[in-house]
Amino acid sequence: MEISKRDKKKVEILTFLNDTIFNPILDSDRASNKLKAGIRLTLNRMATRDAAGIVHFYWSAVVGTDRSVSFSRQMREEGFTRFEEILETFRTRFNDKWIRS
């Protein structure tokens, strides 16, 4: 079965986020259970979206809701890479032109 272009984009974004943000936390012995639970929740929420929805979710996390601000602070306090720290790479790689292509 062939993967659609739309699904390939979703996989590409999730692979990038897994490699840069999620897996280092989930694979760490020093990450708190609370942080790991937050990462799993974030992954579950992203999994229900298409590529454009994941990009929107990312930008909402960077802009900062009450929940995302405290989650970002916790990531920093525990010594992990945050969404804000990969902003330039994310913005360049997953821009509107890429979404529409």
PDB file of N, CA and C in Angstrom:
ATOM      1  N   MET A   1       0.837  -1.182   0.000  1.00  0.00           N
ATOM      2  CA  MET A   1       0.000   0.000   0.000  1.00  0.00           C
ATOM      3  C   MET A   1       0.885   1.249   0.000  1.00  0.00           C
ATOM      4  N   GLU A   2       0.590   2.152  -0.886  1.00  0.00           N
ATOM      5  CA  GLU A   2       1.387   3.367  -1.028  1.00  0.00           C
ATOM      6  C   GLU A   2       0.881   4.453  -0.078  1.00  0.00           C
ATOM      7  N   ILE A   3       1.821   5.170   0.504  1.00  0.00           N
ATOM      8  CA  ILE A   3       1.475   6.266   1.411  1.00  0.00           C
ATOM      9  C   ILE A   3       1.193   7.513   0.582  1.00  0.00           C
ATOM     10  N   SER A   4       0.111   8.198   0.903  1.00  0.00           N
ATOM     11  CA  SER A   4      -0.247   9.411   0.175  1.00  0.00           C
ATOM     12  C   SER A   4       0.748  10.528   0.484  1.00  0.00           C
ATOM     13  N   LYS A   5       0.779  11.508  -0.407  1.00  0.00           N
ATOM     14  CA  LYS A   5       1.654  12.667  -0.214  1.00  0.00           C
ATOM     15  C   LYS A   5       1.311  13.376   1.097  1.00  0.00           C
ATOM     16  N   ARG A   6       0.025  13.446   1.371  1.00  0.00           N
ATOM     17  CA  ARG A   6      -0.449  14.089   2.600  1.00  0.00           C
ATOM     18  C   ARG A   6       0.092  13.357   3.835  1.00  0.00           C
ATOM     19  N   ASP A   7       0.019  12.027   3.809  1.00  0.00           N
ATOM     20  CA  ASP A   7       0.525  11.242   4.940  1.00  0.00           C
ATOM     21  C   ASP A   7       2.045  11.317   5.041  1.00  0.00           C
ATOM     22  N   LYS A   8       2.731  11.408   3.904  1.00  0.00           N
ATOM     23  CA  LYS A   8       4.190  11.533   3.927  1.00  0.00           C
ATOM     24  C   LYS A   8       4.608  12.813   4.642  1.00  0.00           C
ATOM     25  N   LYS A   9       3.861  13.888   4.404  1.00  0.00           N
ATOM     26  CA  LYS A   9       4.163  15.162   5.065  1.00  0.00           C
ATOM     27  C   LYS A   9       3.972  15.040   6.577  1.00  0.00           C
ATOM     28  N   LYS A  10       2.898  14.395   6.973  1.00  0.00           N
ATOM     29  CA  LYS A  10       2.641  14.188   8.401  1.00  0.00           C
ATOM     30  C   LYS A  10       3.772  13.379   9.030  1.00  0.00           C
ATOM     31  N   VAL A  11       4.175  12.312   8.365  1.00  0.00           N
ATOM     32  CA  VAL A  11       5.263  11.470   8.864  1.00  0.00           C
ATOM     33  C   VAL A  11       6.561  12.270   8.949  1.00  0.00           C
ATOM     34  N   GLU A  12       6.823  13.112   7.951  1.00  0.00           N
ATOM     35  CA  GLU A  12       8.053  13.909   7.955  1.00  0.00           C
ATOM     36  C   GLU A  12       8.101  14.864   9.152  1.00  0.00           C
ATOM     37  N   ILE A  13       6.999  15.535   9.421  1.00  0.00           N
ATOM     38  CA  ILE A  13       6.968  16.454  10.562  1.00  0.00           C
ATOM     39  C   ILE A  13       7.123  15.687  11.871  1.00  0.00           C
ATOM     40  N   LEU A  14       6.365  14.608  12.018  1.00  0.00           N
ATOM     41  CA  LEU A  14       6.434  13.842  13.265  1.00  0.00           C
ATOM     42  C   LEU A  14       7.814  13.221  13.471  1.00  0.00           C
ATOM     43  N   THR A  15       8.451  12.786  12.398  1.00  0.00           N
ATOM     44  CA  THR A  15       9.808  12.240  12.509  1.00  0.00           C
ATOM     45  C   THR A  15      10.768  13.316  13.002  1.00  0.00           C
ATOM     46  N   PHE A  16      10.664  14.507  12.427  1.00  0.00           N
ATOM     47  CA  PHE A  16      11.509  15.620  12.859  1.00  0.00           C
ATOM     48  C   PHE A  16      11.287  15.933  14.343  1.00  0.00           C
ATOM     49  N   LEU A  17      10.028  16.044  14.751  1.00  0.00           N
ATOM     50  CA  LEU A  17       9.730  16.362  16.149  1.00  0.00           C
ATOM     51  C   LEU A  17      10.127  15.225  17.087  1.00  0.00           C
ATOM     52  N   ASN A  18       9.948  13.996  16.637  1.00  0.00           N
ATOM     53  CA  ASN A  18      10.399  12.859  17.451  1.00  0.00           C
ATOM     54  C   ASN A  18      11.907  12.915  17.659  1.00  0.00           C
ATOM     55  N   ASP A  19      12.637  13.170  16.585  1.00  0.00           N
ATOM     56  CA  ASP A  19      14.103  13.192  16.663  1.00  0.00           C
ATOM     57  C   ASP A  19      14.630  14.349  17.512  1.00  0.00           C
ATOM     58  N   THR A  20      13.993  15.511  17.416  1.00  0.00           N
ATOM     59  CA  THR A  20      14.531  16.701  18.075  1.00  0.00           C
ATOM     60  C   THR A  20      13.953  16.974  19.462  1.00  0.00           C
ATOM     61  N   ILE A  21      12.700  16.613  19.682  1.00  0.00           N
ATOM     62  CA  ILE A  21      12.028  16.965  20.935  1.00  0.00           C
ATOM     63  C   ILE A  21      11.571  15.736  21.718  1.00  0.00           C
ATOM     64  N   PHE A  22      10.747  14.921  21.113  1.00  0.00           N
ATOM     65  CA  PHE A  22      10.010  13.901  21.865  1.00  0.00           C
ATOM     66  C   PHE A  22      10.856  12.713  22.319  1.00  0.00           C
ATOM     67  N   ASN A  23      11.566  12.073  21.410  1.00  0.00           N
ATOM     68  CA  ASN A  23      12.321  10.869  21.785  1.00  0.00           C
ATOM     69  C   ASN A  23      13.412  11.121  22.822  1.00  0.00           C
ATOM     70  N   PRO A  24      14.151  12.233  22.744  1.00  0.00           N
ATOM     71  CA  PRO A  24      15.143  12.462  23.804  1.00  0.00           C
ATOM     72  C   PRO A  24      14.518  12.488  25.208  1.00  0.00           C
ATOM     73  N   ILE A  25      13.297  12.968  25.308  1.00  0.00           N
ATOM     74  CA  ILE A  25      12.613  12.992  26.603  1.00  0.00           C
ATOM     75  C   ILE A  25      12.094  11.604  26.954  1.00  0.00           C
ATOM     76  N   LEU A  26      11.397  10.981  26.010  1.00  0.00           N
ATOM     77  CA  LEU A  26      10.807   9.667  26.287  1.00  0.00           C
ATOM     78  C   LEU A  26      11.864   8.605  26.569  1.00  0.00           C
ATOM     79  N   ASP A  27      13.030   8.744  25.957  1.00  0.00           N
ATOM     80  CA  ASP A  27      14.104   7.757  26.138  1.00  0.00           C
ATOM     81  C   ASP A  27      15.000   8.050  27.344  1.00  0.00           C
ATOM     82  N   SER A  28      14.769   9.175  28.000  1.00  0.00           N
ATOM     83  CA  SER A  28      15.649   9.604  29.089  1.00  0.00           C
ATOM     84  C   SER A  28      15.246   9.006  30.434  1.00  0.00           C
ATOM     85  N   ASP A  29      16.258   8.608  31.184  1.00  0.00           N
ATOM     86  CA  ASP A  29      16.031   8.145  32.558  1.00  0.00           C
ATOM     87  C   ASP A  29      15.838   9.319  33.515  1.00  0.00           C
ATOM     88  N   ARG A  30      16.279  10.505  33.111  1.00  0.00           N
ATOM     89  CA  ARG A  30      16.198  11.653  34.015  1.00  0.00           C
ATOM     90  C   ARG A  30      14.953  12.512  33.806  1.00  0.00           C
ATOM     91  N   ALA A  31      14.203  12.263  32.735  1.00  0.00           N
ATOM     92  CA  ALA A  31      12.963  13.015  32.518  1.00  0.00           C
ATOM     93  C   ALA A  31      11.906  12.558  33.520  1.00  0.00           C
ATOM     94  N   SER A  32      11.188  13.521  34.064  1.00  0.00           N
ATOM     95  CA  SER A  32      10.149  13.187  35.044  1.00  0.00           C
ATOM     96  C   SER A  32       8.983  12.474  34.367  1.00  0.00           C
ATOM     97  N   ASN A  33       8.243  11.736  35.153  1.00  0.00           N
ATOM     98  CA  ASN A  33       7.046  11.064  34.634  1.00  0.00           C
ATOM     99  C   ASN A  33       6.026  12.078  34.139  1.00  0.00           C
ATOM    100  N   LYS A  34       5.940  13.222  34.808  1.00  0.00           N
ATOM    101  CA  LYS A  34       5.012  14.276  34.398  1.00  0.00           C
ATOM    102  C   LYS A  34       5.381  14.807  33.011  1.00  0.00           C
ATOM    103  N   LEU A  35       6.661  15.031  32.779  1.00  0.00           N
ATOM    104  CA  LEU A  35       7.102  15.515  31.476  1.00  0.00           C
ATOM    105  C   LEU A  35       6.843  14.465  30.399  1.00  0.00           C
ATOM    106  N   LYS A  36       7.158  13.218  30.680  1.00  0.00           N
ATOM    107  CA  LYS A  36       6.904  12.147  29.712  1.00  0.00           C
ATOM    108  C   LYS A  36       5.417  12.025  29.401  1.00  0.00           C
ATOM    109  N   ALA A  37       4.574  12.163  30.412  1.00  0.00           N
ATOM    110  CA  ALA A  37       3.125  12.103  30.189  1.00  0.00           C
ATOM    111  C   ALA A  37       2.673  13.256  29.296  1.00  0.00           C
ATOM    112  N   GLY A  38       3.237  14.440  29.507  1.00  0.00           N
ATOM    113  CA  GLY A  38       2.914  15.592  28.666  1.00  0.00           C
ATOM    114  C   GLY A  38       3.334  15.379  27.223  1.00  0.00           C
ATOM    115  N   ILE A  39       4.489  14.763  27.022  1.00  0.00           N
ATOM    116  CA  ILE A  39       4.968  14.466  25.669  1.00  0.00           C
ATOM    117  C   ILE A  39       4.035  13.463  25.000  1.00  0.00           C
ATOM    118  N   ARG A  40       3.645  12.430  25.728  1.00  0.00           N
ATOM    119  CA  ARG A  40       2.726  11.427  25.157  1.00  0.00           C
ATOM    120  C   ARG A  40       1.389  12.060  24.778  1.00  0.00           C
ATOM    121  N   LEU A  41       0.879  12.948  25.619  1.00  0.00           N
ATOM    122  CA  LEU A  41      -0.369  13.645  25.317  1.00  0.00           C
ATOM    123  C   LEU A  41      -0.211  14.506  24.066  1.00  0.00           C
ATOM    124  N   THR A  42       0.893  15.218  23.977  1.00  0.00           N
ATOM    125  CA  THR A  42       1.165  16.042  22.801  1.00  0.00           C
ATOM    126  C   THR A  42       1.230  15.187  21.545  1.00  0.00           C
ATOM    127  N   LEU A  43       1.928  14.065  21.613  1.00  0.00           N
ATOM    128  CA  LEU A  43       2.013  13.156  20.465  1.00  0.00           C
ATOM    129  C   LEU A  43       0.639  12.636  20.063  1.00  0.00           C
ATOM    130  N   ASN A  44      -0.176  12.276  21.036  1.00  0.00           N
ATOM    131  CA  ASN A  44      -1.524  11.790  20.728  1.00  0.00           C
ATOM    132  C   ASN A  44      -2.362  12.868  20.058  1.00  0.00           C
ATOM    133  N   ARG A  45      -2.238  14.091  20.517  1.00  0.00           N
ATOM    134  CA  ARG A  45      -2.981  15.201  19.898  1.00  0.00           C
ATOM    135  C   ARG A  45      -2.498  15.457  18.479  1.00  0.00           C
ATOM    136  N   MET A  46      -1.199  15.414  18.281  1.00  0.00           N
ATOM    137  CA  MET A  46      -0.660  15.638  16.940  1.00  0.00           C
ATOM    138  C   MET A  46      -1.047  14.509  15.989  1.00  0.00           C
ATOM    139  N   ALA A  47      -1.115  13.295  16.490  1.00  0.00           N
ATOM    140  CA  ALA A  47      -1.423  12.137  15.645  1.00  0.00           C
ATOM    141  C   ALA A  47      -2.812  12.227  15.019  1.00  0.00           C
ATOM    142  N   THR A  48      -3.701  12.990  15.628  1.00  0.00           N
ATOM    143  CA  THR A  48      -5.059  13.117  15.091  1.00  0.00           C
ATOM    144  C   THR A  48      -5.157  14.193  14.012  1.00  0.00           C
ATOM    145  N   ARG A  49      -4.073  14.898  13.767  1.00  0.00           N
ATOM    146  CA  ARG A  49      -4.084  16.008  12.813  1.00  0.00           C
ATOM    147  C   ARG A  49      -3.330  15.650  11.536  1.00  0.00           C
ATOM    148  N   ASP A  50      -3.627  16.409  10.473  1.00  0.00           N
ATOM    149  CA  ASP A  50      -2.833  16.290   9.257  1.00  0.00           C
ATOM    150  C   ASP A  50      -1.604  17.186   9.403  1.00  0.00           C
ATOM    151  N   ALA A  51      -0.774  17.254   8.370  1.00  0.00           N
ATOM    152  CA  ALA A  51       0.471  18.031   8.448  1.00  0.00           C
ATOM    153  C   ALA A  51       0.202  19.496   8.787  1.00  0.00           C
ATOM    154  N   ALA A  52      -0.774  20.103   8.127  1.00  0.00           N
ATOM    155  CA  ALA A  52      -1.092  21.507   8.404  1.00  0.00           C
ATOM    156  C   ALA A  52      -1.557  21.676   9.848  1.00  0.00           C
ATOM    157  N   GLY A  53      -2.312  20.729  10.357  1.00  0.00           N
ATOM    158  CA  GLY A  53      -2.778  20.778  11.738  1.00  0.00           C
ATOM    159  C   GLY A  53      -1.642  20.650  12.739  1.00  0.00           C
ATOM    160  N   ILE A  54      -0.657  19.821  12.409  1.00  0.00           N
ATOM    161  CA  ILE A  54       0.507  19.669  13.287  1.00  0.00           C
ATOM    162  C   ILE A  54       1.314  20.964  13.312  1.00  0.00           C
ATOM    163  N   VAL A  55       1.479  21.580  12.144  1.00  0.00           N
ATOM    164  CA  VAL A  55       2.195  22.858  12.079  1.00  0.00           C
ATOM    165  C   VAL A  55       1.456  23.900  12.924  1.00  0.00           C
ATOM    166  N   HIS A  56       0.151  23.959  12.804  1.00  0.00           N
ATOM    167  CA  HIS A  56      -0.644  24.900  13.597  1.00  0.00           C
ATOM    168  C   HIS A  56      -0.488  24.616  15.091  1.00  0.00           C
ATOM    169  N   PHE A  57      -0.524  23.351  15.461  1.00  0.00           N
ATOM    170  CA  PHE A  57      -0.345  22.951  16.862  1.00  0.00           C
ATOM    171  C   PHE A  57       1.020  23.412  17.367  1.00  0.00           C
ATOM    172  N   TYR A  58       2.052  23.220  16.556  1.00  0.00           N
ATOM    173  CA  TYR A  58       3.410  23.650  16.920  1.00  0.00           C
ATOM    174  C   TYR A  58       3.432  25.151  17.202  1.00  0.00           C
ATOM    175  N   TRP A  59       2.880  25.943  16.267  1.00  0.00           N
ATOM    176  CA  TRP A  59       2.915  27.394  16.444  1.00  0.00           C
ATOM    177  C   TRP A  59       2.102  27.829  17.657  1.00  0.00           C
ATOM    178  N   SER A  60       1.011  27.154  17.947  1.00  0.00           N
ATOM    179  CA  SER A  60       0.239  27.462  19.154  1.00  0.00           C
ATOM    180  C   SER A  60       1.071  27.202  20.403  1.00  0.00           C
ATOM    181  N   ALA A  61       1.853  26.143  20.380  1.00  0.00           N
ATOM    182  CA  ALA A  61       2.721  25.827  21.520  1.00  0.00           C
ATOM    183  C   ALA A  61       3.797  26.890  21.695  1.00  0.00           C
ATOM    184  N   VAL A  62       4.331  27.394  20.588  1.00  0.00           N
ATOM    185  CA  VAL A  62       5.384  28.410  20.654  1.00  0.00           C
ATOM    186  C   VAL A  62       4.813  29.748  21.125  1.00  0.00           C
ATOM    187  N   VAL A  63       3.650  30.120  20.597  1.00  0.00           N
ATOM    188  CA  VAL A  63       3.033  31.388  20.982  1.00  0.00           C
ATOM    189  C   VAL A  63       2.724  31.388  22.468  1.00  0.00           C
ATOM    190  N   GLY A  64       2.228  30.289  22.960  1.00  0.00           N
ATOM    191  CA  GLY A  64       2.076  30.126  24.394  1.00  0.00           C
ATOM    192  C   GLY A  64       0.681  30.273  24.950  1.00  0.00           C
ATOM    193  N   THR A  65       0.101  29.148  25.279  1.00  0.00           N
ATOM    194  CA  THR A  65      -1.094  29.115  26.114  1.00  0.00           C
ATOM    195  C   THR A  65      -0.595  28.925  27.543  1.00  0.00           C
ATOM    196  N   ASP A  66      -1.466  29.048  28.511  1.00  0.00           N
ATOM    197  CA  ASP A  66      -1.037  28.827  29.898  1.00  0.00           C
ATOM    198  C   ASP A  66      -0.392  27.454  30.043  1.00  0.00           C
ATOM    199  N   ARG A  67      -1.013  26.451  29.433  1.00  0.00           N
ATOM    200  CA  ARG A  67      -0.496  25.089  29.539  1.00  0.00           C
ATOM    201  C   ARG A  67       0.858  24.952  28.836  1.00  0.00           C
ATOM    202  N   SER A  68       0.967  25.513  27.622  1.00  0.00           N
ATOM    203  CA  SER A  68       2.220  25.338  26.880  1.00  0.00           C
ATOM    204  C   SER A  68       3.377  26.112  27.510  1.00  0.00           C
ATOM    205  N   VAL A  69       3.089  27.247  28.136  1.00  0.00           N
ATOM    206  CA  VAL A  69       4.148  28.023  28.792  1.00  0.00           C
ATOM    207  C   VAL A  69       4.724  27.241  29.969  1.00  0.00           C
ATOM    208  N   SER A  70       3.865  26.667  30.785  1.00  0.00           N
ATOM    209  CA  SER A  70       4.375  25.905  31.931  1.00  0.00           C
ATOM    210  C   SER A  70       5.062  24.623  31.479  1.00  0.00           C
ATOM    211  N   PHE A  71       4.565  24.010  30.406  1.00  0.00           N
ATOM    212  CA  PHE A  71       5.192  22.798  29.875  1.00  0.00           C
ATOM    213  C   PHE A  71       6.584  23.120  29.322  1.00  0.00           C
ATOM    214  N   SER A  72       6.701  24.224  28.611  1.00  0.00           N
ATOM    215  CA  SER A  72       7.990  24.656  28.079  1.00  0.00           C
ATOM    216  C   SER A  72       8.976  24.933  29.212  1.00  0.00           C
ATOM    217  N   ARG A  73       8.503  25.573  30.262  1.00  0.00           N
ATOM    218  CA  ARG A  73       9.348  25.850  31.423  1.00  0.00           C
ATOM    219  C   ARG A  73       9.850  24.542  32.042  1.00  0.00           C
ATOM    220  N   GLN A  74       8.962  23.574  32.155  1.00  0.00           N
ATOM    221  CA  GLN A  74       9.350  22.282  32.718  1.00  0.00           C
ATOM    222  C   GLN A  74      10.395  21.594  31.840  1.00  0.00           C
ATOM    223  N   MET A  75      10.216  21.655  30.522  1.00  0.00           N
ATOM    224  CA  MET A  75      11.200  21.066  29.605  1.00  0.00           C
ATOM    225  C   MET A  75      12.568  21.704  29.821  1.00  0.00           C
ATOM    226  N   ARG A  76      12.596  23.035  29.931  1.00  0.00           N
ATOM    227  CA  ARG A  76      13.851  23.755  30.144  1.00  0.00           C
ATOM    228  C   ARG A  76      14.478  23.388  31.487  1.00  0.00           C
ATOM    229  N   GLU A  77      13.660  23.376  32.535  1.00  0.00           N
ATOM    230  CA  GLU A  77      14.166  23.059  33.875  1.00  0.00           C
ATOM    231  C   GLU A  77      14.749  21.652  33.954  1.00  0.00           C
ATOM    232  N   GLU A  78      14.196  20.733  33.151  1.00  0.00           N
ATOM    233  CA  GLU A  78      14.706  19.364  33.155  1.00  0.00           C
ATOM    234  C   GLU A  78      15.839  19.169  32.144  1.00  0.00           C
ATOM    235  N   GLY A  79      16.180  20.248  31.415  1.00  0.00           N
ATOM    236  CA  GLY A  79      17.343  20.221  30.537  1.00  0.00           C
ATOM    237  C   GLY A  79      17.111  19.680  29.141  1.00  0.00           C
ATOM    238  N   PHE A  80      15.873  19.789  28.647  1.00  0.00           N
ATOM    239  CA  PHE A  80      15.567  19.257  27.318  1.00  0.00           C
ATOM    240  C   PHE A  80      15.299  20.369  26.311  1.00  0.00           C
ATOM    241  N   THR A  81      15.469  20.040  25.047  1.00  0.00           N
ATOM    242  CA  THR A  81      15.182  20.962  23.954  1.00  0.00           C
ATOM    243  C   THR A  81      13.685  21.251  23.923  1.00  0.00           C
ATOM    244  N   ARG A  82      13.356  22.530  23.728  1.00  0.00           N
ATOM    245  CA  ARG A  82      11.960  22.969  23.680  1.00  0.00           C
ATOM    246  C   ARG A  82      11.580  23.340  22.254  1.00  0.00           C
ATOM    247  N   PHE A  83      10.276  23.464  22.000  1.00  0.00           N
ATOM    248  CA  PHE A  83       9.787  23.859  20.680  1.00  0.00           C
ATOM    249  C   PHE A  83      10.432  25.167  20.230  1.00  0.00           C
ATOM    250  N   GLU A  84      10.586  26.098  21.160  1.00  0.00           N
ATOM    251  CA  GLU A  84      11.148  27.408  20.829  1.00  0.00           C
ATOM    252  C   GLU A  84      12.581  27.316  20.311  1.00  0.00           C
ATOM    253  N   GLU A  85      13.300  26.314  20.741  1.00  0.00           N
ATOM    254  CA  GLU A  85      14.707  26.183  20.370  1.00  0.00           C
ATOM    255  C   GLU A  85      14.917  25.612  18.969  1.00  0.00           C
ATOM    256  N   ILE A  86      13.885  25.056  18.385  1.00  0.00           N
ATOM    257  CA  ILE A  86      13.996  24.531  17.016  1.00  0.00           C
ATOM    258  C   ILE A  86      13.186  25.380  16.038  1.00  0.00           C
ATOM    259  N   LEU A  87      12.785  26.555  16.493  1.00  0.00           N
ATOM    260  CA  LEU A  87      11.904  27.431  15.728  1.00  0.00           C
ATOM    261  C   LEU A  87      12.425  27.735  14.329  1.00  0.00           C
ATOM    262  N   GLU A  88      13.662  28.170  14.208  1.00  0.00           N
ATOM    263  CA  GLU A  88      14.198  28.552  12.893  1.00  0.00           C
ATOM    264  C   GLU A  88      14.189  27.380  11.918  1.00  0.00           C
ATOM    265  N   THR A  89      14.638  26.237  12.368  1.00  0.00           N
ATOM    266  CA  THR A  89      14.653  25.056  11.507  1.00  0.00           C
ATOM    267  C   THR A  89      13.236  24.669  11.119  1.00  0.00           C
ATOM    268  N   PHE A  90      12.333  24.666  12.082  1.00  0.00           N
ATOM    269  CA  PHE A  90      10.943  24.294  11.817  1.00  0.00           C
ATOM    270  C   PHE A  90      10.309  25.264  10.826  1.00  0.00           C
ATOM    271  N   ARG A  91      10.491  26.562  11.057  1.00  0.00           N
ATOM    272  CA  ARG A  91       9.889  27.582  10.190  1.00  0.00           C
ATOM    273  C   ARG A  91      10.392  27.457   8.752  1.00  0.00           C
ATOM    274  N   THR A  92      11.670  27.197   8.583  1.00  0.00           N
ATOM    275  CA  THR A  92      12.248  27.068   7.248  1.00  0.00           C
ATOM    276  C   THR A  92      11.795  25.785   6.561  1.00  0.00           C
ATOM    277  N   ARG A  93      11.786  24.713   7.291  1.00  0.00           N
ATOM    278  CA  ARG A  93      11.499  23.396   6.703  1.00  0.00           C
ATOM    279  C   ARG A  93      10.009  23.159   6.452  1.00  0.00           C
ATOM    280  N   PHE A  94       9.156  23.586   7.375  1.00  0.00           N
ATOM    281  CA  PHE A  94       7.723  23.279   7.290  1.00  0.00           C
ATOM    282  C   PHE A  94       6.904  24.553   7.082  1.00  0.00           C
ATOM    283  N   ASN A  95       7.267  25.301   6.054  1.00  0.00           N
ATOM    284  CA  ASN A  95       6.591  26.564   5.766  1.00  0.00           C
ATOM    285  C   ASN A  95       5.335  26.336   4.911  1.00  0.00           C
ATOM    286  N   ASP A  96       4.627  27.425   4.611  1.00  0.00           N
ATOM    287  CA  ASP A  96       3.390  27.330   3.828  1.00  0.00           C
ATOM    288  C   ASP A  96       3.624  26.720   2.450  1.00  0.00           C
ATOM    289  N   LYS A  97       4.737  27.071   1.827  1.00  0.00           N
ATOM    290  CA  LYS A  97       5.048  26.518   0.505  1.00  0.00           C
ATOM    291  C   LYS A  97       5.174  24.996   0.587  1.00  0.00           C
ATOM    292  N   TRP A  98       5.836  24.502   1.624  1.00  0.00           N
ATOM    293  CA  TRP A  98       5.999  23.057   1.805  1.00  0.00           C
ATOM    294  C   TRP A  98       4.639  22.394   2.036  1.00  0.00           C
ATOM    295  N   ILE A  99       3.807  23.014   2.866  1.00  0.00           N
ATOM    296  CA  ILE A  99       2.477  22.458   3.157  1.00  0.00           C
ATOM    297  C   ILE A  99       1.664  22.341   1.867  1.00  0.00           C
ATOM    298  N   ARG A 100       1.718  23.356   1.014  1.00  0.00           N
ATOM    299  CA  ARG A 100       0.917  23.371  -0.217  1.00  0.00           C
ATOM    300  C   ARG A 100       1.498  22.518  -1.334  1.00  0.00           C
ATOM    301  N   SER A 101       2.759  22.128  -1.227  1.00  0.00           N
ATOM    302  CA  SER A 101       3.396  21.384  -2.330  1.00  0.00           C
ATOM    303  C   SER A 101       2.899  19.951  -2.423  1.00  0.00           C
TER     304      SER A 101
END
